[in-house]
Amino acid sequence: MSRIGKLPVKIPANVDITCSGLDITVKGKFGTLSNTIPDVLGMEQTEGRLTLSLKNKTRNSRALHGLYRTLINNMVTGVSEQFESTLNLQGVGY
């Protein structure tokens, strides 16, 4: 199993996740995102956490395990926090 895939996705209080079959929809303050997960992965949503599990342990499904956990985590982050960019100015004269 993937080390990243084993970690649960933390769901903030202001984010709603809807799982219908293989489709997952994440709704939050800053928008709505949706994705379809492969059929080799299973999802289980408990209080404040979403966990992905493997249905079979082939090489391809193990690779997808970590990938889709990260994609779902990025979807949750994207709808709950605004994009922020910081600029560091270094050099002579500043």
C-alpha atoms as a PDB file:
ATOM      1  CA  MET A   1       0.000   0.000   0.000  1.00  0.00           C
ATOM      2  CA  SER A   2       1.011   3.556  -0.605  1.00  0.00           C
ATOM      3  CA  ARG A   3       2.211   5.561   2.384  1.00  0.00           C
ATOM      4  CA  ILE A   4       0.342   8.600   1.117  1.00  0.00           C
ATOM      5  CA  GLY A   5      -2.764   6.566   0.307  1.00  0.00           C
ATOM      6  CA  LYS A   6      -3.016   5.219   3.860  1.00  0.00           C
ATOM      7  CA  LEU A   7      -3.395   8.721   5.342  1.00  0.00           C
ATOM      8  CA  PRO A   8      -6.973   9.920   5.867  1.00  0.00           C
ATOM      9  CA  VAL A   9      -8.177  13.146   4.257  1.00  0.00           C
ATOM     10  CA  LYS A  10      -9.248  15.623   6.952  1.00  0.00           C
ATOM     11  CA  ILE A  11     -12.530  17.323   6.117  1.00  0.00           C
ATOM     12  CA  PRO A  12     -13.023  20.833   7.577  1.00  0.00           C
ATOM     13  CA  ALA A  13     -16.397  21.782   9.059  1.00  0.00           C
ATOM     14  CA  ASN A  14     -17.294  24.115   6.163  1.00  0.00           C
ATOM     15  CA  VAL A  15     -16.758  21.449   3.446  1.00  0.00           C
ATOM     16  CA  ASP A  16     -19.387  18.930   2.274  1.00  0.00           C
ATOM     17  CA  ILE A  17     -18.328  15.749   0.478  1.00  0.00           C
ATOM     18  CA  THR A  18     -20.865  13.723  -1.483  1.00  0.00           C
ATOM     19  CA  CYS A  19     -19.979  10.229  -2.714  1.00  0.00           C
ATOM     20  CA  SER A  20     -22.329   8.589  -5.197  1.00  0.00           C
ATOM     21  CA  GLY A  21     -20.889   5.433  -6.683  1.00  0.00           C
ATOM     22  CA  LEU A  22     -17.515   6.332  -8.144  1.00  0.00           C
ATOM     23  CA  ASP A  23     -18.227  10.074  -8.330  1.00  0.00           C
ATOM     24  CA  ILE A  24     -17.072  12.400  -5.570  1.00  0.00           C
ATOM     25  CA  THR A  25     -18.209  16.016  -5.214  1.00  0.00           C
ATOM     26  CA  VAL A  26     -16.598  18.501  -2.818  1.00  0.00           C
ATOM     27  CA  LYS A  27     -18.526  21.696  -2.000  1.00  0.00           C
ATOM     28  CA  GLY A  28     -17.100  24.530   0.033  1.00  0.00           C
ATOM     29  CA  LYS A  29     -16.999  28.269   0.543  1.00  0.00           C
ATOM     30  CA  PHE A  30     -15.032  28.926  -2.652  1.00  0.00           C
ATOM     31  CA  GLY A  31     -16.748  26.602  -5.114  1.00  0.00           C
ATOM     32  CA  THR A  32     -17.545  23.040  -6.109  1.00  0.00           C
ATOM     33  CA  LEU A  33     -15.175  20.395  -7.509  1.00  0.00           C
ATOM     34  CA  SER A  34     -15.954  16.891  -8.713  1.00  0.00           C
ATOM     35  CA  ASN A  35     -13.956  13.863  -9.825  1.00  0.00           C
ATOM     36  CA  THR A  36     -14.460  10.202 -10.660  1.00  0.00           C
ATOM     37  CA  ILE A  37     -12.311   7.624  -8.888  1.00  0.00           C
ATOM     38  CA  PRO A  38     -11.345   4.300 -10.488  1.00  0.00           C
ATOM     39  CA  ASP A  39     -13.286   1.163  -9.560  1.00  0.00           C
ATOM     40  CA  VAL A  40     -10.201  -0.419  -7.928  1.00  0.00           C
ATOM     41  CA  LEU A  41     -10.525   2.034  -5.003  1.00  0.00           C
ATOM     42  CA  GLY A  42     -13.138   2.204  -2.272  1.00  0.00           C
ATOM     43  CA  MET A  43     -14.116   5.207  -0.150  1.00  0.00           C
ATOM     44  CA  GLU A  44     -15.268   5.353   3.445  1.00  0.00           C
ATOM     45  CA  GLN A  45     -16.401   8.595   5.047  1.00  0.00           C
ATOM     46  CA  THR A  46     -16.485   8.872   8.837  1.00  0.00           C
ATOM     47  CA  GLU A  47     -16.779  11.900  11.085  1.00  0.00           C
ATOM     48  CA  GLY A  48     -14.433  14.509   9.657  1.00  0.00           C
ATOM     49  CA  ARG A  49     -12.304  12.018   7.688  1.00  0.00           C
ATOM     50  CA  LEU A  50     -12.340  10.319   4.303  1.00  0.00           C
ATOM     51  CA  THR A  51     -10.330   7.127   3.825  1.00  0.00           C
ATOM     52  CA  LEU A  52      -9.483   5.412   0.544  1.00  0.00           C
ATOM     53  CA  SER A  53      -8.984   1.656   0.436  1.00  0.00           C
ATOM     54  CA  LEU A  54      -7.756  -0.823  -2.147  1.00  0.00           C
ATOM     55  CA  LYS A  55     -10.095  -3.493  -3.528  1.00  0.00           C
ATOM     56  CA  ASN A  56      -7.199  -5.471  -5.054  1.00  0.00           C
ATOM     57  CA  LYS A  57      -3.471  -5.032  -4.639  1.00  0.00           C
ATOM     58  CA  THR A  58      -2.070  -4.805  -8.138  1.00  0.00           C
ATOM     59  CA  ARG A  59       0.780  -2.490  -9.019  1.00  0.00           C
ATOM     60  CA  ASN A  60      -1.505  -0.115 -10.915  1.00  0.00           C
ATOM     61  CA  SER A  61      -4.087   0.126  -8.134  1.00  0.00           C
ATOM     62  CA  ARG A  62      -1.394   0.851  -5.533  1.00  0.00           C
ATOM     63  CA  ALA A  63      -0.142   3.742  -7.684  1.00  0.00           C
ATOM     64  CA  LEU A  64      -3.673   5.111  -8.077  1.00  0.00           C
ATOM     65  CA  HIS A  65      -4.249   4.832  -4.320  1.00  0.00           C
ATOM     66  CA  GLY A  66      -1.793   7.601  -3.428  1.00  0.00           C
ATOM     67  CA  LEU A  67      -2.660   9.674  -6.488  1.00  0.00           C
ATOM     68  CA  TYR A  68      -6.380   9.869  -5.814  1.00  0.00           C
ATOM     69  CA  ARG A  69      -5.910  10.478  -2.098  1.00  0.00           C
ATOM     70  CA  THR A  70      -3.754  13.494  -2.981  1.00  0.00           C
ATOM     71  CA  LEU A  71      -6.221  14.699  -5.633  1.00  0.00           C
ATOM     72  CA  ILE A  72      -9.114  14.553  -3.154  1.00  0.00           C
ATOM     73  CA  ASN A  73      -7.035  16.318  -0.500  1.00  0.00           C
ATOM     74  CA  ASN A  74      -6.209  19.078  -3.004  1.00  0.00           C
ATOM     75  CA  MET A  75      -9.908  19.382  -3.885  1.00  0.00           C
ATOM     76  CA  VAL A  76     -10.770  19.870  -0.190  1.00  0.00           C
ATOM     77  CA  THR A  77      -8.004  22.457   0.194  1.00  0.00           C
ATOM     78  CA  GLY A  78      -9.100  24.257  -2.966  1.00  0.00           C
ATOM     79  CA  VAL A  79     -12.718  24.784  -1.888  1.00  0.00           C
ATOM     80  CA  SER A  80     -11.918  25.684   1.728  1.00  0.00           C
ATOM     81  CA  GLU A  81      -8.943  28.078   1.428  1.00  0.00           C
ATOM     82  CA  GLN A  82      -8.166  30.867  -1.003  1.00  0.00           C
ATOM     83  CA  PHE A  83      -5.044  30.776  -3.129  1.00  0.00           C
ATOM     84  CA  GLU A  84      -2.256  32.767  -1.541  1.00  0.00           C
ATOM     85  CA  SER A  85       1.074  33.839  -2.964  1.00  0.00           C
ATOM     86  CA  THR A  86       3.962  35.324  -0.996  1.00  0.00           C
ATOM     87  CA  LEU A  87       6.774  37.294  -2.580  1.00  0.00           C
ATOM     88  CA  ASN A  88      10.210  37.599  -1.000  1.00  0.00           C
ATOM     89  CA  LEU A  89      12.359  40.452  -2.255  1.00  0.00           C
ATOM     90  CA  GLN A  90      16.078  39.928  -1.783  1.00  0.00           C
ATOM     91  CA  GLY A  91      19.010  41.822  -3.082  1.00  0.00           C
ATOM     92  CA  VAL A  92      20.871  45.088  -2.951  1.00  0.00           C
ATOM     93  CA  GLY A  93      18.802  48.248  -2.565  1.00  0.00           C
ATOM     94  CA  TYR A  94      15.686  46.813  -0.944  1.00  0.00           C
END
